[in-house]
Amino acid sequence: MRGENEIVKKDHTTAGDSPIKEDLRWVRREWLIQRAGEYLLILLVILGACGLFSKGVLSDTRARSPDGTIQVDYERFGRVESNMDMRIRYNAPVADRFNVTIGGGALDNLQIQTLQPQPLEAVTIGSDLRLTFSARDTGPDHAIWLGLQPRNPGRIHVAINGGDHPPVRFTQWIYP
């Protein structure tokens, strides 16, 4: 029996008077890990909704050639066997026809599903594809629309050039 004047020292590392001994330091660590996991999951959901894994604000981007003649609007992130959009604008003055070449090994990993307008001619040169368009079919900004489907996950390097102008180079990341 303890006396009334005796000071009872309490061990702050164990919880209450339960028969199970718990170390409160580990309980706090577990709680912190759970909280961090909750915040991480919320962050991933928000980033996914914004386009981290496919279509959205974080994925949509634009690249230009060094001289500004070619501009490409594309999706930075995609998924295997899902559709991705790309718009190529050729801003150089053209006579009746102009060429756009898609290369850099891109077509080894990307499959063209749709192409608007239809080219007058399509020629493969190694792993590159040279498309010849009529200036009348592409409108005043010479816009070409492509619907692409990635075949393999990973990083895809793309190079697009038109005529003698320097190419636009960019990279797309494809998730499985």
N, C-alpha and C. Protein backbone atom coordinates (compact mmCIF):
# COMPACT_ATOMS: atom_id res chain seq x y z
N MET A 1 0.83 -1.17 0.00
CA MET A 1 0.00 0.00 0.00
C MET A 1 0.87 1.23 0.00
N ARG A 2 0.44 2.17 -0.71
CA ARG A 2 1.17 3.42 -0.77
C ARG A 2 0.56 4.39 0.22
N GLY A 3 1.42 5.18 0.75
CA GLY A 3 0.94 6.21 1.67
C GLY A 3 0.38 7.39 0.90
N GLU A 4 -0.42 8.20 1.62
CA GLU A 4 -1.04 9.33 0.95
C GLU A 4 -0.03 10.38 0.54
N ASN A 5 1.05 10.49 1.26
CA ASN A 5 2.06 11.51 0.94
C ASN A 5 3.10 11.01 -0.05
N GLU A 6 3.04 9.77 -0.39
CA GLU A 6 4.03 9.21 -1.30
C GLU A 6 3.74 9.69 -2.73
N ILE A 7 4.78 10.13 -3.40
CA ILE A 7 4.64 10.61 -4.78
C ILE A 7 4.74 9.41 -5.71
N VAL A 8 3.77 9.31 -6.57
CA VAL A 8 3.75 8.20 -7.52
C VAL A 8 4.39 8.70 -8.81
N LYS A 9 5.42 8.03 -9.19
CA LYS A 9 6.10 8.36 -10.43
C LYS A 9 5.43 7.58 -11.55
N LYS A 10 5.00 8.27 -12.58
CA LYS A 10 4.34 7.62 -13.69
C LYS A 10 5.30 7.50 -14.87
N ASP A 11 5.29 6.37 -15.49
CA ASP A 11 6.13 6.15 -16.66
C ASP A 11 5.37 6.69 -17.87
N HIS A 12 5.92 7.72 -18.51
CA HIS A 12 5.24 8.35 -19.64
C HIS A 12 5.43 7.60 -20.94
N THR A 13 6.17 6.54 -20.92
CA THR A 13 6.38 5.77 -22.15
C THR A 13 5.38 4.64 -22.31
N THR A 14 4.51 4.42 -21.34
CA THR A 14 3.49 3.38 -21.47
C THR A 14 2.12 4.02 -21.35
N ALA A 15 1.14 3.35 -21.93
CA ALA A 15 -0.21 3.90 -21.96
C ALA A 15 -1.02 3.41 -20.77
N GLY A 16 -1.58 4.33 -20.02
CA GLY A 16 -2.54 4.08 -18.95
C GLY A 16 -2.26 2.89 -18.06
N ASP A 17 -3.35 2.29 -17.59
CA ASP A 17 -3.27 1.15 -16.69
C ASP A 17 -3.64 -0.15 -17.40
N SER A 18 -3.53 -0.17 -18.73
CA SER A 18 -3.92 -1.38 -19.45
C SER A 18 -2.87 -2.46 -19.23
N PRO A 19 -3.32 -3.72 -19.34
CA PRO A 19 -2.38 -4.82 -19.14
C PRO A 19 -1.38 -4.96 -20.29
N ILE A 20 -1.66 -4.31 -21.42
CA ILE A 20 -0.75 -4.37 -22.56
C ILE A 20 0.19 -3.18 -22.47
N LYS A 21 1.45 -3.46 -22.49
CA LYS A 21 2.44 -2.40 -22.42
C LYS A 21 2.65 -1.83 -23.82
N GLU A 22 2.42 -0.54 -23.97
CA GLU A 22 2.63 0.14 -25.24
C GLU A 22 3.66 1.23 -25.05
N ASP A 23 4.51 1.34 -26.00
CA ASP A 23 5.51 2.40 -25.98
C ASP A 23 4.91 3.57 -26.76
N LEU A 24 4.63 4.67 -26.10
CA LEU A 24 3.96 5.80 -26.74
C LEU A 24 4.80 6.41 -27.86
N ARG A 25 6.11 6.28 -27.78
CA ARG A 25 6.94 6.79 -28.88
C ARG A 25 6.60 6.06 -30.17
N TRP A 26 6.41 4.74 -30.12
CA TRP A 26 6.07 3.97 -31.32
C TRP A 26 4.64 4.25 -31.78
N VAL A 27 3.75 4.49 -30.83
CA VAL A 27 2.37 4.84 -31.18
C VAL A 27 2.36 6.17 -31.94
N ARG A 28 3.14 7.13 -31.46
CA ARG A 28 3.24 8.43 -32.14
C ARG A 28 3.85 8.28 -33.53
N ARG A 29 4.89 7.46 -33.65
CA ARG A 29 5.51 7.23 -34.97
C ARG A 29 4.51 6.60 -35.94
N GLU A 30 3.77 5.63 -35.46
CA GLU A 30 2.78 4.98 -36.31
C GLU A 30 1.73 6.00 -36.76
N TRP A 31 1.29 6.85 -35.85
CA TRP A 31 0.30 7.87 -36.18
C TRP A 31 0.87 8.83 -37.22
N LEU A 32 2.13 9.24 -37.07
CA LEU A 32 2.75 10.15 -38.03
C LEU A 32 2.88 9.51 -39.41
N ILE A 33 3.23 8.24 -39.44
CA ILE A 33 3.35 7.54 -40.72
C ILE A 33 1.98 7.44 -41.40
N GLN A 34 0.94 7.15 -40.63
CA GLN A 34 -0.41 7.08 -41.20
C GLN A 34 -0.83 8.44 -41.75
N ARG A 35 -0.56 9.51 -41.01
CA ARG A 35 -0.91 10.86 -41.48
C ARG A 35 -0.16 11.20 -42.76
N ALA A 36 1.14 10.90 -42.79
CA ALA A 36 1.93 11.17 -43.99
C ALA A 36 1.39 10.38 -45.18
N GLY A 37 1.00 9.13 -44.96
CA GLY A 37 0.42 8.31 -46.02
C GLY A 37 -0.89 8.88 -46.53
N GLU A 38 -1.73 9.37 -45.62
CA GLU A 38 -3.00 9.99 -46.03
C GLU A 38 -2.75 11.21 -46.90
N TYR A 39 -1.83 12.07 -46.48
CA TYR A 39 -1.53 13.28 -47.26
C TYR A 39 -0.93 12.92 -48.61
N LEU A 40 -0.09 11.90 -48.65
CA LEU A 40 0.50 11.47 -49.91
C LEU A 40 -0.57 10.95 -50.87
N LEU A 41 -1.51 10.17 -50.37
CA LEU A 41 -2.60 9.66 -51.22
C LEU A 41 -3.47 10.80 -51.75
N ILE A 42 -3.78 11.76 -50.89
CA ILE A 42 -4.58 12.91 -51.32
C ILE A 42 -3.84 13.68 -52.40
N LEU A 43 -2.53 13.89 -52.20
CA LEU A 43 -1.72 14.60 -53.18
C LEU A 43 -1.69 13.85 -54.52
N LEU A 44 -1.54 12.53 -54.49
CA LEU A 44 -1.54 11.75 -55.72
C LEU A 44 -2.87 11.83 -56.46
N VAL A 45 -3.98 11.82 -55.73
CA VAL A 45 -5.29 11.93 -56.37
C VAL A 45 -5.44 13.30 -57.03
N ILE A 46 -5.02 14.36 -56.34
CA ILE A 46 -5.12 15.71 -56.91
C ILE A 46 -4.23 15.83 -58.14
N LEU A 47 -2.98 15.36 -58.05
CA LEU A 47 -2.07 15.43 -59.19
C LEU A 47 -2.59 14.59 -60.36
N GLY A 48 -3.18 13.44 -60.07
CA GLY A 48 -3.76 12.61 -61.13
C GLY A 48 -4.91 13.32 -61.82
N ALA A 49 -5.75 14.00 -61.05
CA ALA A 49 -6.87 14.74 -61.63
C ALA A 49 -6.38 15.92 -62.47
N CYS A 50 -5.21 16.45 -62.13
CA CYS A 50 -4.64 17.58 -62.87
C CYS A 50 -3.84 17.14 -64.09
N GLY A 51 -3.65 15.84 -64.28
CA GLY A 51 -3.01 15.36 -65.49
C GLY A 51 -1.63 14.77 -65.32
N LEU A 52 -1.24 14.38 -64.14
CA LEU A 52 0.09 13.79 -63.95
C LEU A 52 0.23 12.45 -64.66
N PHE A 53 -0.87 11.72 -64.82
CA PHE A 53 -0.79 10.39 -65.42
C PHE A 53 -1.38 10.32 -66.82
N SER A 54 -2.02 11.39 -67.29
CA SER A 54 -2.61 11.39 -68.62
C SER A 54 -3.10 12.79 -68.95
N LYS A 55 -4.27 12.92 -69.51
CA LYS A 55 -4.79 14.21 -69.95
C LYS A 55 -5.04 15.16 -68.77
N GLY A 56 -4.71 16.44 -68.97
CA GLY A 56 -4.95 17.44 -67.95
C GLY A 56 -3.95 18.58 -68.02
N VAL A 57 -4.09 19.50 -67.10
CA VAL A 57 -3.28 20.72 -67.08
C VAL A 57 -1.78 20.41 -66.99
N LEU A 58 -1.41 19.46 -66.17
CA LEU A 58 0.01 19.13 -66.01
C LEU A 58 0.58 18.41 -67.23
N SER A 59 -0.28 17.79 -68.02
CA SER A 59 0.18 17.01 -69.17
C SER A 59 0.23 17.84 -70.45
N ASP A 60 -0.72 18.72 -70.66
CA ASP A 60 -0.78 19.49 -71.90
C ASP A 60 0.35 20.51 -71.94
N THR A 61 1.10 20.50 -73.02
CA THR A 61 2.23 21.43 -73.14
C THR A 61 2.49 21.75 -74.61
N ARG A 62 3.44 22.64 -74.84
CA ARG A 62 3.75 23.11 -76.18
C ARG A 62 5.26 23.18 -76.35
N ALA A 63 5.73 22.83 -77.53
CA ALA A 63 7.15 22.94 -77.86
C ALA A 63 7.28 23.67 -79.20
N ARG A 64 8.37 24.42 -79.34
CA ARG A 64 8.62 25.16 -80.58
C ARG A 64 10.02 24.85 -81.10
N SER A 65 10.15 24.98 -82.40
CA SER A 65 11.49 24.85 -82.98
C SER A 65 12.29 26.10 -82.62
N PRO A 66 13.62 26.02 -82.67
CA PRO A 66 14.44 27.19 -82.31
C PRO A 66 14.12 28.45 -83.12
N ASP A 67 13.75 28.29 -84.39
CA ASP A 67 13.42 29.47 -85.19
C ASP A 67 11.93 29.80 -85.16
N GLY A 68 11.12 29.01 -84.46
CA GLY A 68 9.70 29.30 -84.28
C GLY A 68 8.81 28.90 -85.44
N THR A 69 9.33 28.22 -86.44
CA THR A 69 8.50 27.87 -87.59
C THR A 69 7.56 26.70 -87.31
N ILE A 70 7.94 25.83 -86.40
CA ILE A 70 7.10 24.67 -86.08
C ILE A 70 6.73 24.73 -84.61
N GLN A 71 5.44 24.56 -84.35
CA GLN A 71 4.94 24.54 -82.97
C GLN A 71 4.12 23.28 -82.80
N VAL A 72 4.37 22.56 -81.69
CA VAL A 72 3.67 21.30 -81.44
C VAL A 72 2.97 21.37 -80.09
N ASP A 73 1.67 21.15 -80.07
CA ASP A 73 0.91 21.00 -78.84
C ASP A 73 0.75 19.50 -78.62
N TYR A 74 1.17 19.03 -77.45
CA TYR A 74 1.18 17.59 -77.20
C TYR A 74 0.93 17.30 -75.73
N GLU A 75 0.77 16.02 -75.42
CA GLU A 75 0.58 15.57 -74.04
C GLU A 75 1.90 15.01 -73.52
N ARG A 76 2.37 15.57 -72.44
CA ARG A 76 3.65 15.17 -71.85
C ARG A 76 3.58 13.76 -71.26
N PHE A 77 2.41 13.39 -70.69
CA PHE A 77 2.24 12.08 -70.05
C PHE A 77 1.13 11.32 -70.75
N GLY A 78 1.28 10.01 -70.84
CA GLY A 78 0.26 9.18 -71.45
C GLY A 78 0.30 7.78 -70.85
N ARG A 79 -0.60 6.95 -71.31
CA ARG A 79 -0.66 5.55 -70.86
C ARG A 79 -0.64 4.65 -72.08
N VAL A 80 -0.06 3.47 -71.91
CA VAL A 80 0.00 2.50 -73.01
C VAL A 80 -1.41 2.20 -73.49
N GLU A 81 -1.57 2.18 -74.81
CA GLU A 81 -2.82 1.87 -75.49
C GLU A 81 -3.95 2.84 -75.17
N SER A 82 -3.63 4.06 -74.74
CA SER A 82 -4.66 5.09 -74.60
C SER A 82 -4.39 6.15 -75.67
N ASN A 83 -5.40 6.90 -76.03
CA ASN A 83 -5.27 7.88 -77.10
C ASN A 83 -4.61 9.16 -76.60
N MET A 84 -3.72 9.69 -77.43
CA MET A 84 -3.05 10.95 -77.14
C MET A 84 -3.20 11.84 -78.37
N ASP A 85 -3.40 13.13 -78.14
CA ASP A 85 -3.58 14.08 -79.23
C ASP A 85 -2.31 14.89 -79.44
N MET A 86 -2.07 15.26 -80.70
CA MET A 86 -0.94 16.12 -81.03
C MET A 86 -1.37 17.03 -82.17
N ARG A 87 -1.00 18.31 -82.05
CA ARG A 87 -1.28 19.26 -83.14
C ARG A 87 0.04 19.89 -83.55
N ILE A 88 0.33 19.84 -84.83
CA ILE A 88 1.54 20.43 -85.38
C ILE A 88 1.12 21.63 -86.21
N ARG A 89 1.74 22.78 -85.94
CA ARG A 89 1.49 23.99 -86.75
C ARG A 89 2.79 24.39 -87.44
N TYR A 90 2.70 24.56 -88.73
CA TYR A 90 3.85 24.94 -89.55
C TYR A 90 3.66 26.40 -89.93
N ASN A 91 4.44 27.28 -89.31
CA ASN A 91 4.23 28.72 -89.46
C ASN A 91 5.08 29.38 -90.53
N ALA A 92 5.76 28.61 -91.35
CA ALA A 92 6.59 29.18 -92.41
C ALA A 92 5.72 29.40 -93.65
N PRO A 93 6.06 30.41 -94.45
CA PRO A 93 5.31 30.59 -95.69
C PRO A 93 5.55 29.40 -96.62
N VAL A 94 4.50 28.92 -97.22
CA VAL A 94 4.61 27.76 -98.10
C VAL A 94 4.00 28.10 -99.45
N ALA A 95 4.47 27.41 -100.46
CA ALA A 95 3.91 27.59 -101.80
C ALA A 95 2.65 26.74 -101.90
N ASP A 96 2.75 25.65 -102.58
CA ASP A 96 1.58 24.78 -102.77
C ASP A 96 1.63 23.58 -101.83
N ARG A 97 2.84 23.10 -101.55
CA ARG A 97 3.02 21.91 -100.71
C ARG A 97 4.10 22.16 -99.67
N PHE A 98 4.02 21.38 -98.58
CA PHE A 98 5.08 21.42 -97.57
C PHE A 98 5.20 20.05 -96.93
N ASN A 99 6.39 19.79 -96.38
CA ASN A 99 6.69 18.49 -95.76
C ASN A 99 6.84 18.64 -94.26
N VAL A 100 6.36 17.64 -93.54
CA VAL A 100 6.57 17.53 -92.09
C VAL A 100 7.08 16.12 -91.85
N THR A 101 8.19 16.02 -91.11
CA THR A 101 8.79 14.72 -90.82
C THR A 101 8.69 14.44 -89.33
N ILE A 102 8.15 13.29 -88.99
CA ILE A 102 8.05 12.84 -87.60
C ILE A 102 9.12 11.78 -87.41
N GLY A 103 10.04 12.03 -86.48
CA GLY A 103 11.16 11.11 -86.32
C GLY A 103 11.66 11.04 -84.90
N GLY A 104 12.95 10.81 -84.79
CA GLY A 104 13.57 10.67 -83.48
C GLY A 104 13.27 9.33 -82.84
N GLY A 105 12.82 8.36 -83.64
CA GLY A 105 12.46 7.06 -83.08
C GLY A 105 11.07 7.02 -82.48
N ALA A 106 10.31 8.09 -82.65
CA ALA A 106 8.98 8.17 -82.03
C ALA A 106 8.03 7.11 -82.57
N LEU A 107 8.09 6.85 -83.86
CA LEU A 107 7.13 5.92 -84.46
C LEU A 107 7.45 4.47 -84.16
N ASP A 108 8.60 4.21 -83.52
CA ASP A 108 8.87 2.86 -83.02
C ASP A 108 7.99 2.55 -81.81
N ASN A 109 7.54 3.61 -81.12
CA ASN A 109 6.75 3.44 -79.89
C ASN A 109 5.35 4.03 -79.97
N LEU A 110 5.08 4.83 -80.99
CA LEU A 110 3.76 5.46 -81.14
C LEU A 110 3.12 4.98 -82.43
N GLN A 111 1.84 4.70 -82.36
CA GLN A 111 1.09 4.29 -83.53
C GLN A 111 0.13 5.42 -83.89
N ILE A 112 0.12 5.82 -85.16
CA ILE A 112 -0.78 6.88 -85.61
C ILE A 112 -2.16 6.27 -85.82
N GLN A 113 -3.15 6.78 -85.09
CA GLN A 113 -4.53 6.31 -85.21
C GLN A 113 -5.32 7.16 -86.20
N THR A 114 -5.16 8.48 -86.09
CA THR A 114 -5.85 9.40 -86.99
C THR A 114 -4.87 10.47 -87.45
N LEU A 115 -5.13 11.01 -88.63
CA LEU A 115 -4.29 12.06 -89.20
C LEU A 115 -5.19 12.96 -90.03
N GLN A 116 -5.29 14.22 -89.64
CA GLN A 116 -6.13 15.19 -90.34
C GLN A 116 -5.35 16.46 -90.60
N PRO A 117 -5.38 16.99 -91.78
CA PRO A 117 -5.96 16.44 -93.00
C PRO A 117 -5.11 15.29 -93.54
N GLN A 118 -5.65 14.57 -94.47
CA GLN A 118 -4.91 13.47 -95.06
C GLN A 118 -3.76 14.02 -95.90
N PRO A 119 -2.57 13.43 -95.79
CA PRO A 119 -1.44 13.93 -96.58
C PRO A 119 -1.57 13.52 -98.05
N LEU A 120 -0.92 14.30 -98.91
CA LEU A 120 -0.86 13.93 -100.32
C LEU A 120 0.05 12.73 -100.51
N GLU A 121 1.08 12.66 -99.65
CA GLU A 121 2.05 11.58 -99.77
C GLU A 121 2.62 11.27 -98.39
N ALA A 122 2.88 10.01 -98.12
CA ALA A 122 3.52 9.58 -96.87
C ALA A 122 4.64 8.62 -97.24
N VAL A 123 5.87 8.96 -96.80
CA VAL A 123 7.04 8.16 -97.15
C VAL A 123 7.81 7.85 -95.88
N THR A 124 8.18 6.58 -95.69
CA THR A 124 9.02 6.23 -94.55
C THR A 124 10.48 6.26 -94.98
N ILE A 125 11.29 6.87 -94.12
CA ILE A 125 12.73 6.96 -94.33
C ILE A 125 13.37 6.42 -93.06
N GLY A 126 13.75 5.16 -93.07
CA GLY A 126 14.25 4.52 -91.85
C GLY A 126 13.10 4.40 -90.86
N SER A 127 13.25 5.00 -89.68
CA SER A 127 12.17 4.99 -88.69
C SER A 127 11.41 6.31 -88.67
N ASP A 128 11.69 7.20 -89.64
CA ASP A 128 11.00 8.49 -89.74
C ASP A 128 9.87 8.40 -90.77
N LEU A 129 8.91 9.29 -90.62
CA LEU A 129 7.79 9.37 -91.55
C LEU A 129 7.70 10.78 -92.09
N ARG A 130 7.86 10.93 -93.40
CA ARG A 130 7.74 12.24 -94.04
C ARG A 130 6.37 12.35 -94.69
N LEU A 131 5.64 13.37 -94.27
CA LEU A 131 4.28 13.61 -94.77
C LEU A 131 4.29 14.86 -95.64
N THR A 132 3.67 14.79 -96.81
CA THR A 132 3.56 15.94 -97.70
C THR A 132 2.11 16.39 -97.72
N PHE A 133 1.90 17.67 -97.42
CA PHE A 133 0.54 18.23 -97.34
C PHE A 133 0.36 19.33 -98.37
N SER A 134 -0.89 19.53 -98.77
CA SER A 134 -1.27 20.66 -99.60
C SER A 134 -1.54 21.85 -98.68
N ALA A 135 -1.03 23.01 -99.03
CA ALA A 135 -1.22 24.20 -98.22
C ALA A 135 -2.70 24.58 -98.14
N ARG A 136 -3.48 24.25 -99.16
CA ARG A 136 -4.91 24.58 -99.14
C ARG A 136 -5.68 23.74 -98.14
N ASP A 137 -5.23 22.50 -97.87
CA ASP A 137 -5.95 21.59 -96.98
C ASP A 137 -5.72 21.86 -95.50
N THR A 138 -4.66 22.57 -95.16
CA THR A 138 -4.29 22.71 -93.75
C THR A 138 -4.72 24.03 -93.14
N GLY A 139 -5.33 24.92 -93.89
CA GLY A 139 -5.79 26.19 -93.33
C GLY A 139 -4.66 27.20 -93.24
N PRO A 140 -4.98 28.41 -92.75
CA PRO A 140 -3.98 29.49 -92.73
C PRO A 140 -2.79 29.23 -91.80
N ASP A 141 -3.00 28.49 -90.71
CA ASP A 141 -1.87 28.23 -89.80
C ASP A 141 -1.22 26.88 -90.08
N HIS A 142 -1.60 26.21 -91.17
CA HIS A 142 -1.04 24.93 -91.59
C HIS A 142 -1.04 23.94 -90.42
N ALA A 143 -2.22 23.68 -89.86
CA ALA A 143 -2.36 22.79 -88.70
C ALA A 143 -2.58 21.35 -89.15
N ILE A 144 -1.88 20.46 -88.46
CA ILE A 144 -2.00 19.02 -88.70
C ILE A 144 -2.35 18.38 -87.37
N TRP A 145 -3.40 17.56 -87.36
CA TRP A 145 -3.87 16.91 -86.13
C TRP A 145 -3.55 15.43 -86.20
N LEU A 146 -2.95 14.91 -85.13
CA LEU A 146 -2.64 13.49 -85.06
C LEU A 146 -3.27 12.89 -83.82
N GLY A 147 -3.83 11.70 -83.97
CA GLY A 147 -4.27 10.90 -82.84
C GLY A 147 -3.29 9.75 -82.70
N LEU A 148 -2.60 9.68 -81.59
CA LEU A 148 -1.54 8.69 -81.39
C LEU A 148 -1.90 7.71 -80.29
N GLN A 149 -1.33 6.53 -80.37
CA GLN A 149 -1.52 5.53 -79.32
C GLN A 149 -0.16 4.92 -78.98
N PRO A 150 0.31 5.13 -77.74
CA PRO A 150 1.59 4.55 -77.33
C PRO A 150 1.51 3.03 -77.27
N ARG A 151 2.58 2.37 -77.70
CA ARG A 151 2.63 0.91 -77.69
C ARG A 151 3.44 0.36 -76.53
N ASN A 152 4.41 1.14 -76.04
CA ASN A 152 5.32 0.66 -75.00
C ASN A 152 5.45 1.71 -73.90
N PRO A 153 5.61 1.28 -72.65
CA PRO A 153 5.83 2.24 -71.57
C PRO A 153 7.26 2.77 -71.61
N GLY A 154 7.45 3.92 -70.98
CA GLY A 154 8.79 4.50 -70.89
C GLY A 154 8.86 5.86 -71.54
N ARG A 155 10.08 6.28 -71.76
CA ARG A 155 10.35 7.61 -72.31
C ARG A 155 10.42 7.52 -73.83
N ILE A 156 9.73 8.45 -74.51
CA ILE A 156 9.72 8.48 -75.97
C ILE A 156 10.29 9.82 -76.41
N HIS A 157 11.33 9.77 -77.23
CA HIS A 157 11.94 10.98 -77.79
C HIS A 157 11.31 11.24 -79.15
N VAL A 158 10.85 12.48 -79.36
CA VAL A 158 10.17 12.84 -80.59
C VAL A 158 10.91 14.02 -81.22
N ALA A 159 11.07 13.97 -82.53
CA ALA A 159 11.63 15.08 -83.30
C ALA A 159 10.71 15.32 -84.49
N ILE A 160 10.28 16.57 -84.66
CA ILE A 160 9.41 16.92 -85.78
C ILE A 160 10.05 18.10 -86.49
N ASN A 161 10.24 17.93 -87.80
CA ASN A 161 10.78 19.06 -88.55
C ASN A 161 10.02 19.24 -89.85
N GLY A 162 10.15 20.43 -90.39
CA GLY A 162 9.48 20.77 -91.63
C GLY A 162 10.47 21.38 -92.59
N GLY A 163 10.63 20.74 -93.73
CA GLY A 163 11.54 21.27 -94.75
C GLY A 163 12.96 21.38 -94.23
N ASP A 164 13.55 22.56 -94.45
CA ASP A 164 14.94 22.80 -94.04
C ASP A 164 15.04 23.48 -92.68
N HIS A 165 13.94 23.57 -91.97
CA HIS A 165 13.94 24.26 -90.67
C HIS A 165 14.42 23.32 -89.57
N PRO A 166 14.99 23.88 -88.48
CA PRO A 166 15.45 23.03 -87.37
C PRO A 166 14.26 22.32 -86.71
N PRO A 167 14.50 21.13 -86.19
CA PRO A 167 13.39 20.33 -85.63
C PRO A 167 12.97 20.78 -84.24
N VAL A 168 11.73 20.42 -83.91
CA VAL A 168 11.22 20.53 -82.54
C VAL A 168 11.56 19.20 -81.88
N ARG A 169 12.18 19.26 -80.71
CA ARG A 169 12.51 18.03 -79.98
C ARG A 169 11.85 18.08 -78.61
N PHE A 170 11.20 16.98 -78.25
CA PHE A 170 10.58 16.88 -76.93
C PHE A 170 10.49 15.42 -76.52
N THR A 171 10.13 15.22 -75.28
CA THR A 171 10.04 13.87 -74.72
C THR A 171 8.66 13.66 -74.12
N GLN A 172 8.13 12.47 -74.31
CA GLN A 172 6.86 12.08 -73.69
C GLN A 172 7.13 10.91 -72.76
N TRP A 173 6.42 10.88 -71.64
CA TRP A 173 6.56 9.78 -70.67
C TRP A 173 5.29 8.95 -70.71
N ILE A 174 5.45 7.66 -70.95
CA ILE A 174 4.31 6.76 -71.08
C ILE A 174 4.29 5.79 -69.91
N TYR A 175 3.18 5.79 -69.17
CA TYR A 175 2.99 4.88 -68.04
C TYR A 175 2.43 3.55 -68.54
N PRO A 176 2.70 2.45 -67.83
CA PRO A 176 2.14 1.15 -68.25
C PRO A 176 0.63 1.10 -68.14
